[in-house]
PDB file of N, CA and C in Angstrom:
ATOM      1  N   UNK A   1      -8.541 -20.686  -4.177  1.00  0.00           N
ATOM      2  CA  UNK A   1      -7.160 -20.757  -3.610  1.00  0.00           C
ATOM      3  C   UNK A   1      -6.454 -19.415  -3.658  1.00  0.00           C
ATOM      4  N   UNK A   2      -6.037 -18.982  -2.545  1.00  0.00           N
ATOM      5  CA  UNK A   2      -5.389 -17.619  -2.546  1.00  0.00           C
ATOM      6  C   UNK A   2      -3.916 -17.707  -3.023  1.00  0.00           C
ATOM      7  N   UNK A   3      -3.397 -16.498  -3.404  1.00  0.00           N
ATOM      8  CA  UNK A   3      -2.077 -16.408  -3.932  1.00  0.00           C
ATOM      9  C   UNK A   3      -1.325 -15.380  -3.124  1.00  0.00           C
ATOM     10  N   UNK A   4      -0.011 -15.297  -3.412  1.00  0.00           N
ATOM     11  CA  UNK A   4       0.738 -14.131  -2.739  1.00  0.00           C
ATOM     12  C   UNK A   4       1.885 -13.745  -3.645  1.00  0.00           C
ATOM     13  N   UNK A   5       2.442 -12.501  -3.405  1.00  0.00           N
ATOM     14  CA  UNK A   5       3.527 -11.973  -4.099  1.00  0.00           C
ATOM     15  C   UNK A   5       4.291 -11.080  -3.213  1.00  0.00           C
ATOM     16  N   UNK A   6       5.582 -10.867  -3.577  1.00  0.00           N
ATOM     17  CA  UNK A   6       6.432  -9.959  -2.832  1.00  0.00           C
ATOM     18  C   UNK A   6       7.276  -9.163  -3.814  1.00  0.00           C
ATOM     19  N   UNK A   7       7.372  -7.901  -3.581  1.00  0.00           N
ATOM     20  CA  UNK A   7       8.227  -7.020  -4.337  1.00  0.00           C
ATOM     21  C   UNK A   7       9.219  -6.287  -3.460  1.00  0.00           C
ATOM     22  N   UNK A   8      10.451  -6.204  -3.980  1.00  0.00           N
ATOM     23  CA  UNK A   8      11.500  -5.417  -3.249  1.00  0.00           C
ATOM     24  C   UNK A   8      12.039  -4.444  -4.174  1.00  0.00           C
ATOM     25  N   UNK A   9      12.347  -3.218  -3.609  1.00  0.00           N
ATOM     26  CA  UNK A   9      12.932  -2.141  -4.358  1.00  0.00           C
ATOM     27  C   UNK A   9      13.815  -1.250  -3.437  1.00  0.00           C
ATOM     28  N   UNK A  10      14.802  -0.673  -4.004  1.00  0.00           N
ATOM     29  CA  UNK A  10      15.654   0.263  -3.232  1.00  0.00           C
ATOM     30  C   UNK A  10      15.493   1.607  -3.934  1.00  0.00           C
ATOM     31  N   UNK A  11      15.326   2.620  -3.048  1.00  0.00           N
ATOM     32  CA  UNK A  11      15.263   4.016  -3.518  1.00  0.00           C
ATOM     33  C   UNK A  11      16.331   4.836  -2.911  1.00  0.00           C
ATOM     34  N   UNK A  12      16.848   5.776  -3.659  1.00  0.00           N
ATOM     35  CA  UNK A  12      18.013   6.611  -3.196  1.00  0.00           C
ATOM     36  C   UNK A  12      17.499   7.841  -2.430  1.00  0.00           C
ATOM     37  N   UNK A  13      16.565   7.646  -1.529  1.00  0.00           N
ATOM     38  CA  UNK A  13      16.019   8.664  -0.599  1.00  0.00           C
ATOM     39  C   UNK A  13      15.804   7.989   0.755  1.00  0.00           C
ATOM     40  N   UNK A  14      15.743   8.747   1.781  1.00  0.00           N
ATOM     41  CA  UNK A  14      15.489   8.140   3.143  1.00  0.00           C
ATOM     42  C   UNK A  14      14.025   7.684   3.241  1.00  0.00           C
ATOM     43  N   UNK A  15      13.744   6.765   4.219  1.00  0.00           N
ATOM     44  CA  UNK A  15      12.418   6.149   4.392  1.00  0.00           C
ATOM     45  C   UNK A  15      11.318   7.166   4.492  1.00  0.00           C
ATOM     46  N   UNK A  16      11.491   8.306   5.120  1.00  0.00           N
ATOM     47  CA  UNK A  16      10.386   9.192   5.304  1.00  0.00           C
ATOM     48  C   UNK A  16       9.866   9.760   4.012  1.00  0.00           C
ATOM     49  N   UNK A  17      10.702   9.862   2.995  1.00  0.00           N
ATOM     50  CA  UNK A  17      10.251  10.387   1.719  1.00  0.00           C
ATOM     51  C   UNK A  17       9.310   9.396   1.096  1.00  0.00           C
ATOM     52  N   UNK A  18       9.783   8.129   1.026  1.00  0.00           N
ATOM     53  CA  UNK A  18       8.976   7.077   0.470  1.00  0.00           C
ATOM     54  C   UNK A  18       7.660   6.829   1.230  1.00  0.00           C
ATOM     55  N   UNK A  19       7.745   6.799   2.518  1.00  0.00           N
ATOM     56  CA  UNK A  19       6.626   6.618   3.410  1.00  0.00           C
ATOM     57  C   UNK A  19       5.555   7.653   3.059  1.00  0.00           C
ATOM     58  N   UNK A  20       5.990   8.984   3.046  1.00  0.00           N
ATOM     59  CA  UNK A  20       5.074  10.000   2.780  1.00  0.00           C
ATOM     60  C   UNK A  20       4.467   9.901   1.349  1.00  0.00           C
ATOM     61  N   UNK A  21       5.205   9.468   0.424  1.00  0.00           N
ATOM     62  CA  UNK A  21       4.668   9.356  -0.992  1.00  0.00           C
ATOM     63  C   UNK A  21       3.608   8.314  -1.048  1.00  0.00           C
ATOM     64  N   UNK A  22       3.565   7.375  -0.069  1.00  0.00           N
ATOM     65  CA  UNK A  22       2.634   6.215  -0.107  1.00  0.00           C
ATOM     66  C   UNK A  22       1.466   6.476   0.873  1.00  0.00           C
ATOM     67  N   UNK A  23       1.508   7.516   1.729  1.00  0.00           N
ATOM     68  CA  UNK A  23       0.441   7.750   2.685  1.00  0.00           C
ATOM     69  C   UNK A  23      -0.116   9.145   2.715  1.00  0.00           C
ATOM     70  N   UNK A  24       0.574  10.104   2.233  1.00  0.00           N
ATOM     71  CA  UNK A  24       0.088  11.473   2.285  1.00  0.00           C
ATOM     72  C   UNK A  24      -0.884  11.686   1.140  1.00  0.00           C
ATOM     73  N   UNK A  25      -2.096  12.051   1.432  1.00  0.00           N
ATOM     74  CA  UNK A  25      -3.139  12.154   0.454  1.00  0.00           C
ATOM     75  C   UNK A  25      -2.723  13.156  -0.682  1.00  0.00           C
ATOM     76  N   UNK A  26      -2.196  14.303  -0.377  1.00  0.00           N
ATOM     77  CA  UNK A  26      -1.792  15.281  -1.397  1.00  0.00           C
ATOM     78  C   UNK A  26      -0.646  14.712  -2.293  1.00  0.00           C
ATOM     79  N   UNK A  27       0.300  14.064  -1.716  1.00  0.00           N
ATOM     80  CA  UNK A  27       1.319  13.438  -2.559  1.00  0.00           C
ATOM     81  C   UNK A  27       0.788  12.306  -3.416  1.00  0.00           C
ATOM     82  N   UNK A  28      -0.109  11.450  -2.961  1.00  0.00           N
ATOM     83  CA  UNK A  28      -0.669  10.457  -3.769  1.00  0.00           C
ATOM     84  C   UNK A  28      -1.452  11.031  -4.909  1.00  0.00           C
ATOM     85  N   UNK A  29      -2.165  12.110  -4.675  1.00  0.00           N
ATOM     86  CA  UNK A  29      -2.852  12.820  -5.788  1.00  0.00           C
ATOM     87  C   UNK A  29      -1.890  13.328  -6.842  1.00  0.00           C
ATOM     88  N   UNK A  30      -0.807  13.935  -6.347  1.00  0.00           N
ATOM     89  CA  UNK A  30       0.235  14.496  -7.265  1.00  0.00           C
ATOM     90  C   UNK A  30       0.858  13.387  -8.072  1.00  0.00           C
ATOM     91  N   UNK A  31       1.301  12.299  -7.488  1.00  0.00           N
ATOM     92  CA  UNK A  31       1.995  11.213  -8.201  1.00  0.00           C
ATOM     93  C   UNK A  31       1.163  10.454  -9.144  1.00  0.00           C
ATOM     94  N   UNK A  32      -0.183  10.243  -8.718  1.00  0.00           N
ATOM     95  CA  UNK A  32      -1.059   9.557  -9.602  1.00  0.00           C
ATOM     96  C   UNK A  32      -1.868  10.368 -10.577  1.00  0.00           C
ATOM     97  N   UNK A  33      -1.807  11.678 -10.339  1.00  0.00           N
ATOM     98  CA  UNK A  33      -2.562  12.653 -11.166  1.00  0.00           C
ATOM     99  C   UNK A  33      -4.106  12.271 -11.148  1.00  0.00           C
ATOM    100  N   UNK A  34      -4.535  11.889  -9.995  1.00  0.00           N
ATOM    101  CA  UNK A  34      -5.855  11.480  -9.802  1.00  0.00           C
ATOM    102  C   UNK A  34      -6.275  11.747  -8.399  1.00  0.00           C
ATOM    103  N   UNK A  35      -7.654  11.968  -8.128  1.00  0.00           N
ATOM    104  CA  UNK A  35      -8.082  12.162  -6.793  1.00  0.00           C
ATOM    105  C   UNK A  35      -7.789  10.890  -5.959  1.00  0.00           C
ATOM    106  N   UNK A  36      -7.572  11.153  -4.654  1.00  0.00           N
ATOM    107  CA  UNK A  36      -7.268   9.971  -3.839  1.00  0.00           C
ATOM    108  C   UNK A  36      -7.756  10.352  -2.383  1.00  0.00           C
ATOM    109  N   UNK A  37      -7.943   9.310  -1.560  1.00  0.00           N
ATOM    110  CA  UNK A  37      -8.188   9.430  -0.179  1.00  0.00           C
ATOM    111  C   UNK A  37      -7.232   8.613   0.574  1.00  0.00           C
ATOM    112  N   UNK A  38      -6.548   9.206   1.544  1.00  0.00           N
ATOM    113  CA  UNK A  38      -5.678   8.439   2.368  1.00  0.00           C
ATOM    114  C   UNK A  38      -5.781   8.891   3.878  1.00  0.00           C
ATOM    115  N   UNK A  39      -6.166   8.009   4.669  1.00  0.00           N
ATOM    116  CA  UNK A  39      -6.306   8.282   6.179  1.00  0.00           C
ATOM    117  C   UNK A  39      -5.435   7.268   6.894  1.00  0.00           C
ATOM    118  N   UNK A  40      -4.105   7.565   6.944  1.00  0.00           N
ATOM    119  CA  UNK A  40      -3.166   6.588   7.500  1.00  0.00           C
ATOM    120  C   UNK A  40      -3.185   6.417   8.949  1.00  0.00           C
ATOM    121  N   UNK A  41      -4.252   5.854   9.536  1.00  0.00           N
ATOM    122  CA  UNK A  41      -4.413   5.517  10.938  1.00  0.00           C
ATOM    123  C   UNK A  41      -5.308   4.292  10.986  1.00  0.00           C
ATOM    124  N   UNK A  42      -5.361   3.664  12.148  1.00  0.00           N
ATOM    125  CA  UNK A  42      -6.114   2.417  12.338  1.00  0.00           C
ATOM    126  C   UNK A  42      -7.589   2.579  11.846  1.00  0.00           C
ATOM    127  N   UNK A  43      -7.977   1.777  10.894  1.00  0.00           N
ATOM    128  CA  UNK A  43      -9.330   1.806  10.379  1.00  0.00           C
ATOM    129  C   UNK A  43      -9.531   2.909   9.242  1.00  0.00           C
ATOM    130  N   UNK A  44      -8.480   3.638   9.019  1.00  0.00           N
ATOM    131  CA  UNK A  44      -8.530   4.677   7.973  1.00  0.00           C
ATOM    132  C   UNK A  44      -8.620   4.119   6.580  1.00  0.00           C
ATOM    133  N   UNK A  45      -9.128   4.885   5.594  1.00  0.00           N
ATOM    134  CA  UNK A  45      -9.315   4.299   4.234  1.00  0.00           C
ATOM    135  C   UNK A  45      -8.318   4.791   3.276  1.00  0.00           C
ATOM    136  N   UNK A  46      -8.073   4.022   2.216  1.00  0.00           N
ATOM    137  CA  UNK A  46      -7.232   4.367   1.115  1.00  0.00           C
ATOM    138  C   UNK A  46      -8.126   4.126  -0.085  1.00  0.00           C
ATOM    139  N   UNK A  47      -8.281   5.181  -0.923  1.00  0.00           N
ATOM    140  CA  UNK A  47      -8.939   5.030  -2.210  1.00  0.00           C
ATOM    141  C   UNK A  47      -8.206   5.760  -3.259  1.00  0.00           C
ATOM    142  N   UNK A  48      -7.896   5.031  -4.398  1.00  0.00           N
ATOM    143  CA  UNK A  48      -7.154   5.643  -5.481  1.00  0.00           C
ATOM    144  C   UNK A  48      -7.817   5.359  -6.805  1.00  0.00           C
ATOM    145  N   UNK A  49      -7.487   6.227  -7.778  1.00  0.00           N
ATOM    146  CA  UNK A  49      -7.975   5.956  -9.171  1.00  0.00           C
ATOM    147  C   UNK A  49      -9.524   5.731  -9.284  1.00  0.00           C
ATOM    148  N   UNK A  50     -10.278   6.646  -8.691  1.00  0.00           N
ATOM    149  CA  UNK A  50     -11.707   6.559  -8.747  1.00  0.00           C
ATOM    150  C   UNK A  50     -12.345   5.431  -8.077  1.00  0.00           C
ATOM    151  N   UNK A  51     -11.669   4.850  -7.083  1.00  0.00           N
ATOM    152  CA  UNK A  51     -12.175   3.682  -6.348  1.00  0.00           C
ATOM    153  C   UNK A  51     -11.665   2.347  -6.887  1.00  0.00           C
ATOM    154  N   UNK A  52     -10.881   2.426  -7.932  1.00  0.00           N
ATOM    155  CA  UNK A  52     -10.319   1.169  -8.519  1.00  0.00           C
ATOM    156  C   UNK A  52      -9.389   0.432  -7.571  1.00  0.00           C
ATOM    157  N   UNK A  53      -8.801   1.132  -6.628  1.00  0.00           N
ATOM    158  CA  UNK A  53      -7.945   0.576  -5.644  1.00  0.00           C
ATOM    159  C   UNK A  53      -8.473   1.011  -4.297  1.00  0.00           C
ATOM    160  N   UNK A  54      -8.661   0.053  -3.339  1.00  0.00           N
ATOM    161  CA  UNK A  54      -9.263   0.270  -2.092  1.00  0.00           C
ATOM    162  C   UNK A  54      -8.402  -0.299  -1.010  1.00  0.00           C
ATOM    163  N   UNK A  55      -8.311   0.320   0.132  1.00  0.00           N
ATOM    164  CA  UNK A  55      -7.543  -0.238   1.292  1.00  0.00           C
ATOM    165  C   UNK A  55      -8.156   0.241   2.602  1.00  0.00           C
ATOM    166  N   UNK A  56      -7.778  -0.538   3.637  1.00  0.00           N
ATOM    167  CA  UNK A  56      -8.154  -0.164   5.009  1.00  0.00           C
ATOM    168  C   UNK A  56      -6.865  -0.304   5.854  1.00  0.00           C
ATOM    169  N   UNK A  57      -6.426   0.779   6.410  1.00  0.00           N
ATOM    170  CA  UNK A  57      -5.188   0.766   7.210  1.00  0.00           C
ATOM    171  C   UNK A  57      -5.441  -0.048   8.538  1.00  0.00           C
ATOM    172  N   UNK A  58      -4.594  -1.021   8.773  1.00  0.00           N
ATOM    173  CA  UNK A  58      -4.631  -1.743  10.016  1.00  0.00           C
ATOM    174  C   UNK A  58      -3.505  -1.429  11.068  1.00  0.00           C
ATOM    175  N   UNK A  59      -2.382  -0.984  10.555  1.00  0.00           N
ATOM    176  CA  UNK A  59      -1.255  -0.643  11.387  1.00  0.00           C
ATOM    177  C   UNK A  59      -0.399   0.342  10.626  1.00  0.00           C
ATOM    178  N   UNK A  60      -0.034   1.443  11.314  1.00  0.00           N
ATOM    179  CA  UNK A  60       0.887   2.366  10.655  1.00  0.00           C
ATOM    180  C   UNK A  60       1.976   2.756  11.579  1.00  0.00           C
ATOM    181  N   UNK A  61       3.197   2.421  11.213  1.00  0.00           N
ATOM    182  CA  UNK A  61       4.402   2.839  12.047  1.00  0.00           C
ATOM    183  C   UNK A  61       5.177   3.798  11.142  1.00  0.00           C
ATOM    184  N   UNK A  62       5.091   5.147  11.452  1.00  0.00           N
ATOM    185  CA  UNK A  62       5.604   6.135  10.561  1.00  0.00           C
ATOM    186  C   UNK A  62       7.043   5.817  10.135  1.00  0.00           C
ATOM    187  N   UNK A  63       7.345   5.865   8.848  1.00  0.00           N
ATOM    188  CA  UNK A  63       8.630   5.639   8.215  1.00  0.00           C
ATOM    189  C   UNK A  63       9.188   4.249   8.360  1.00  0.00           C
ATOM    190  N   UNK A  64       8.341   3.317   8.919  1.00  0.00           N
ATOM    191  CA  UNK A  64       8.772   1.955   9.124  1.00  0.00           C
ATOM    192  C   UNK A  64       7.929   0.871   8.502  1.00  0.00           C
ATOM    193  N   UNK A  65       6.570   1.045   8.641  1.00  0.00           N
ATOM    194  CA  UNK A  65       5.704  -0.121   8.287  1.00  0.00           C
ATOM    195  C   UNK A  65       4.215   0.424   8.054  1.00  0.00           C
ATOM    196  N   UNK A  66       3.640  -0.246   6.974  1.00  0.00           N
ATOM    197  CA  UNK A  66       2.182  -0.081   6.791  1.00  0.00           C
ATOM    198  C   UNK A  66       1.677  -1.447   6.638  1.00  0.00           C
ATOM    199  N   UNK A  67       0.554  -1.767   7.371  1.00  0.00           N
ATOM    200  CA  UNK A  67      -0.134  -2.972   7.224  1.00  0.00           C
ATOM    201  C   UNK A  67      -1.550  -2.583   6.943  1.00  0.00           C
ATOM    202  N   UNK A  68      -2.173  -3.289   5.907  1.00  0.00           N
ATOM    203  CA  UNK A  68      -3.502  -2.878   5.442  1.00  0.00           C
ATOM    204  C   UNK A  68      -4.178  -4.050   4.728  1.00  0.00           C
ATOM    205  N   UNK A  69      -5.488  -3.941   4.679  1.00  0.00           N
ATOM    206  CA  UNK A  69      -6.335  -4.728   3.736  1.00  0.00           C
ATOM    207  C   UNK A  69      -6.267  -3.971   2.393  1.00  0.00           C
ATOM    208  N   UNK A  70      -6.071  -4.580   1.260  1.00  0.00           N
ATOM    209  CA  UNK A  70      -5.899  -3.908   0.028  1.00  0.00           C
ATOM    210  C   UNK A  70      -6.571  -4.772  -1.167  1.00  0.00           C
ATOM    211  N   UNK A  71      -7.221  -4.103  -2.074  1.00  0.00           N
ATOM    212  CA  UNK A  71      -7.833  -4.796  -3.157  1.00  0.00           C
ATOM    213  C   UNK A  71      -8.064  -3.894  -4.342  1.00  0.00           C
ATOM    214  N   UNK A  72      -8.216  -4.512  -5.485  1.00  0.00           N
ATOM    215  CA  UNK A  72      -8.766  -3.887  -6.659  1.00  0.00           C
ATOM    216  C   UNK A  72     -10.256  -3.973  -6.545  1.00  0.00           C
ATOM    217  N   UNK A  73     -10.973  -3.011  -7.077  1.00  0.00           N
ATOM    218  CA  UNK A  73     -12.437  -2.960  -6.952  1.00  0.00           C
ATOM    219  C   UNK A  73     -13.100  -4.322  -7.381  1.00  0.00           C
ATOM    220  N   UNK A  74     -12.549  -4.935  -8.387  1.00  0.00           N
ATOM    221  CA  UNK A  74     -13.139  -6.174  -8.892  1.00  0.00           C
ATOM    222  C   UNK A  74     -12.925  -7.366  -8.025  1.00  0.00           C
ATOM    223  N   UNK A  75     -11.980  -7.294  -7.142  1.00  0.00           N
ATOM    224  CA  UNK A  75     -11.694  -8.464  -6.315  1.00  0.00           C
ATOM    225  C   UNK A  75     -12.862  -8.687  -5.319  1.00  0.00           C
ATOM    226  N   UNK A  76     -13.218  -9.933  -5.079  1.00  0.00           N
ATOM    227  CA  UNK A  76     -14.357 -10.217  -4.184  1.00  0.00           C
ATOM    228  C   UNK A  76     -13.935 -10.014  -2.674  1.00  0.00           C
ATOM    229  N   UNK A  77     -12.637 -10.107  -2.357  1.00  0.00           N
ATOM    230  CA  UNK A  77     -12.214  -9.916  -0.991  1.00  0.00           C
ATOM    231  C   UNK A  77     -10.887  -9.165  -0.946  1.00  0.00           C
ATOM    232  N   UNK A  78     -10.580  -8.679   0.214  1.00  0.00           N
ATOM    233  CA  UNK A  78      -9.330  -7.978   0.394  1.00  0.00           C
ATOM    234  C   UNK A  78      -8.149  -8.901   0.542  1.00  0.00           C
ATOM    235  N   UNK A  79      -6.983  -8.559   0.085  1.00  0.00           N
ATOM    236  CA  UNK A  79      -5.728  -9.185   0.392  1.00  0.00           C
ATOM    237  C   UNK A  79      -5.074  -8.531   1.533  1.00  0.00           C
ATOM    238  N   UNK A  80      -4.132  -9.161   2.228  1.00  0.00           N
ATOM    239  CA  UNK A  80      -3.340  -8.647   3.226  1.00  0.00           C
ATOM    240  C   UNK A  80      -2.089  -8.021   2.676  1.00  0.00           C
ATOM    241  N   UNK A  81      -1.773  -6.798   3.024  1.00  0.00           N
ATOM    242  CA  UNK A  81      -0.664  -6.068   2.430  1.00  0.00           C
ATOM    243  C   UNK A  81       0.222  -5.526   3.617  1.00  0.00           C
ATOM    244  N   UNK A  82       1.523  -5.861   3.533  1.00  0.00           N
ATOM    245  CA  UNK A  82       2.467  -5.306   4.469  1.00  0.00           C
ATOM    246  C   UNK A  82       3.569  -4.608   3.689  1.00  0.00           C
ATOM    247  N   UNK A  83       3.869  -3.363   4.034  1.00  0.00           N
ATOM    248  CA  UNK A  83       4.871  -2.641   3.371  1.00  0.00           C
ATOM    249  C   UNK A  83       5.928  -2.278   4.486  1.00  0.00           C
ATOM    250  N   UNK A  84       7.150  -2.711   4.341  1.00  0.00           N
ATOM    251  CA  UNK A  84       8.205  -2.452   5.243  1.00  0.00           C
ATOM    252  C   UNK A  84       9.208  -1.504   4.623  1.00  0.00           C
ATOM    253  N   UNK A  85       9.639  -0.474   5.394  1.00  0.00           N
ATOM    254  CA  UNK A  85      10.615   0.516   4.997  1.00  0.00           C
ATOM    255  C   UNK A  85      11.878   0.357   5.830  1.00  0.00           C
ATOM    256  N   UNK A  86      13.036   0.101   5.198  1.00  0.00           N
ATOM    257  CA  UNK A  86      14.266  -0.094   5.952  1.00  0.00           C
ATOM    258  C   UNK A  86      15.277   0.928   5.440  1.00  0.00           C
ATOM    259  N   UNK A  87      15.728   1.814   6.257  1.00  0.00           N
ATOM    260  CA  UNK A  87      16.708   2.830   5.947  1.00  0.00           C
ATOM    261  C   UNK A  87      18.142   2.202   5.910  1.00  0.00           C
ATOM    262  N   UNK A  88      18.849   2.547   4.840  1.00  0.00           N
ATOM    263  CA  UNK A  88      20.185   2.056   4.664  1.00  0.00           C
ATOM    264  C   UNK A  88      20.986   3.270   4.238  1.00  0.00           C
ATOM    265  N   UNK A  89      21.773   3.932   5.154  1.00  0.00           N
ATOM    266  CA  UNK A  89      22.439   5.172   4.888  1.00  0.00           C
ATOM    267  C   UNK A  89      21.364   6.173   4.408  1.00  0.00           C
ATOM    268  N   UNK A  90      21.482   6.714   3.270  1.00  0.00           N
ATOM    269  CA  UNK A  90      20.517   7.744   2.764  1.00  0.00           C
ATOM    270  C   UNK A  90      19.592   7.106   1.762  1.00  0.00           C
ATOM    271  N   UNK A  91      19.436   5.766   1.791  1.00  0.00           N
ATOM    272  CA  UNK A  91      18.557   5.055   0.864  1.00  0.00           C
ATOM    273  C   UNK A  91      17.491   4.343   1.651  1.00  0.00           C
ATOM    274  N   UNK A  92      16.524   3.732   0.987  1.00  0.00           N
ATOM    275  CA  UNK A  92      15.490   3.002   1.587  1.00  0.00           C
ATOM    276  C   UNK A  92      15.148   1.722   0.825  1.00  0.00           C
ATOM    277  N   UNK A  93      15.244   0.639   1.516  1.00  0.00           N
ATOM    278  CA  UNK A  93      14.726  -0.582   0.971  1.00  0.00           C
ATOM    279  C   UNK A  93      13.266  -0.780   1.346  1.00  0.00           C
ATOM    280  N   UNK A  94      12.444  -1.055   0.322  1.00  0.00           N
ATOM    281  CA  UNK A  94      11.002  -1.177   0.466  1.00  0.00           C
ATOM    282  C   UNK A  94      10.617  -2.548   0.056  1.00  0.00           C
ATOM    283  N   UNK A  95       9.841  -3.246   0.934  1.00  0.00           N
ATOM    284  CA  UNK A  95       9.375  -4.597   0.653  1.00  0.00           C
ATOM    285  C   UNK A  95       7.841  -4.552   0.823  1.00  0.00           C
ATOM    286  N   UNK A  96       7.212  -4.902  -0.329  1.00  0.00           N
ATOM    287  CA  UNK A  96       5.734  -5.042  -0.300  1.00  0.00           C
ATOM    288  C   UNK A  96       5.390  -6.434  -0.397  1.00  0.00           C
ATOM    289  N   UNK A  97       4.655  -6.895   0.497  1.00  0.00           N
ATOM    290  CA  UNK A  97       4.169  -8.387   0.479  1.00  0.00           C
ATOM    291  C   UNK A  97       2.605  -8.419   0.530  1.00  0.00           C
ATOM    292  N   UNK A  98       2.072  -8.998  -0.461  1.00  0.00           N
ATOM    293  CA  UNK A  98       0.599  -9.217  -0.555  1.00  0.00           C
ATOM    294  C   UNK A  98       0.362 -10.776  -0.359  1.00  0.00           C
ATOM    295  N   UNK A  99      -0.549 -11.092   0.601  1.00  0.00           N
ATOM    296  CA  UNK A  99      -0.972 -12.476   0.845  1.00  0.00           C
ATOM    297  C   UNK A  99      -2.458 -12.494   0.784  1.00  0.00           C
ATOM    298  N   UNK A 100      -2.948 -13.703   0.626  1.00  0.00           N
ATOM    299  CA  UNK A 100      -4.405 -13.962   0.548  1.00  0.00           C
ATOM    300  C   UNK A 100      -4.986 -13.232  -0.617  1.00  0.00           C
ATOM    301  N   UNK A 101      -4.284 -13.127  -1.739  1.00  0.00           N
ATOM    302  CA  UNK A 101      -4.835 -12.586  -2.973  1.00  0.00           C
ATOM    303  C   UNK A 101      -5.817 -13.570  -3.538  1.00  0.00           C
ATOM    304  N   UNK A 102      -7.025 -13.077  -3.832  1.00  0.00           N
ATOM    305  CA  UNK A 102      -7.986 -14.040  -4.401  1.00  0.00           C
ATOM    306  C   UNK A 102      -7.544 -14.576  -5.756  1.00  0.00           C
ATOM    307  N   UNK A 103      -7.885 -15.814  -6.011  1.00  0.00           N
ATOM    308  CA  UNK A 103      -7.449 -16.397  -7.294  1.00  0.00           C
ATOM    309  C   UNK A 103      -8.495 -15.948  -8.292  1.00  0.00           C
ATOM    310  N   UNK A 104      -8.110 -16.012  -9.612  1.00  0.00           N
ATOM    311  CA  UNK A 104      -9.008 -15.641 -10.617  1.00  0.00           C
ATOM    312  C   UNK A 104     -10.323 -16.439 -10.637  1.00  0.00           C
ATOM    313  N   UNK A 105     -10.303 -17.639 -10.137  1.00  0.00           N
ATOM    314  CA  UNK A 105     -11.489 -18.551 -10.028  1.00  0.00           C
ATOM    315  C   UNK A 105     -12.539 -17.945  -9.051  1.00  0.00           C
ATOM    316  N   UNK A 106     -12.066 -17.158  -8.120  1.00  0.00           N
ATOM    317  CA  UNK A 106     -13.019 -16.652  -7.138  1.00  0.00           C
ATOM    318  C   UNK A 106     -13.836 -15.458  -7.583  1.00  0.00           C
ATOM    319  N   UNK A 107     -13.483 -14.866  -8.800  1.00  0.00           N
ATOM    320  CA  UNK A 107     -14.145 -13.711  -9.325  1.00  0.00           C
ATOM    321  C   UNK A 107     -15.486 -14.223  -9.867  1.00  0.00           C
ATOM    322  N   UNK A 108     -16.505 -13.334  -9.689  1.00  0.00           N
ATOM    323  CA  UNK A 108     -17.911 -13.669 -10.138  1.00  0.00           C
ATOM    324  C   UNK A 108     -17.973 -13.591 -11.539  1.00  0.00           C
TER     325      UNK A 108
END
């Protein structure tokens, strides 16, 4: 049985700053202090923390939305991930929604 979760946060910077921090390969490496791969285009890959986190970009609307398949290396299947960025004055509301998360019972 799959699960889902949603996280909401507000940042005191405009959407383009948060969007870049989540998609720009160099910024991901800087923030995580780890090698990363980020190809933010249809079919592009995301790899972080030595392959512990994996993703496949499905839709990218600059400064507005990221839709991807996302998983931890140990997960048997990918979850669906949607990240929405909404600018409010000079701030950004970010909503991350993960659906189809594999349940613990699905792990080998």
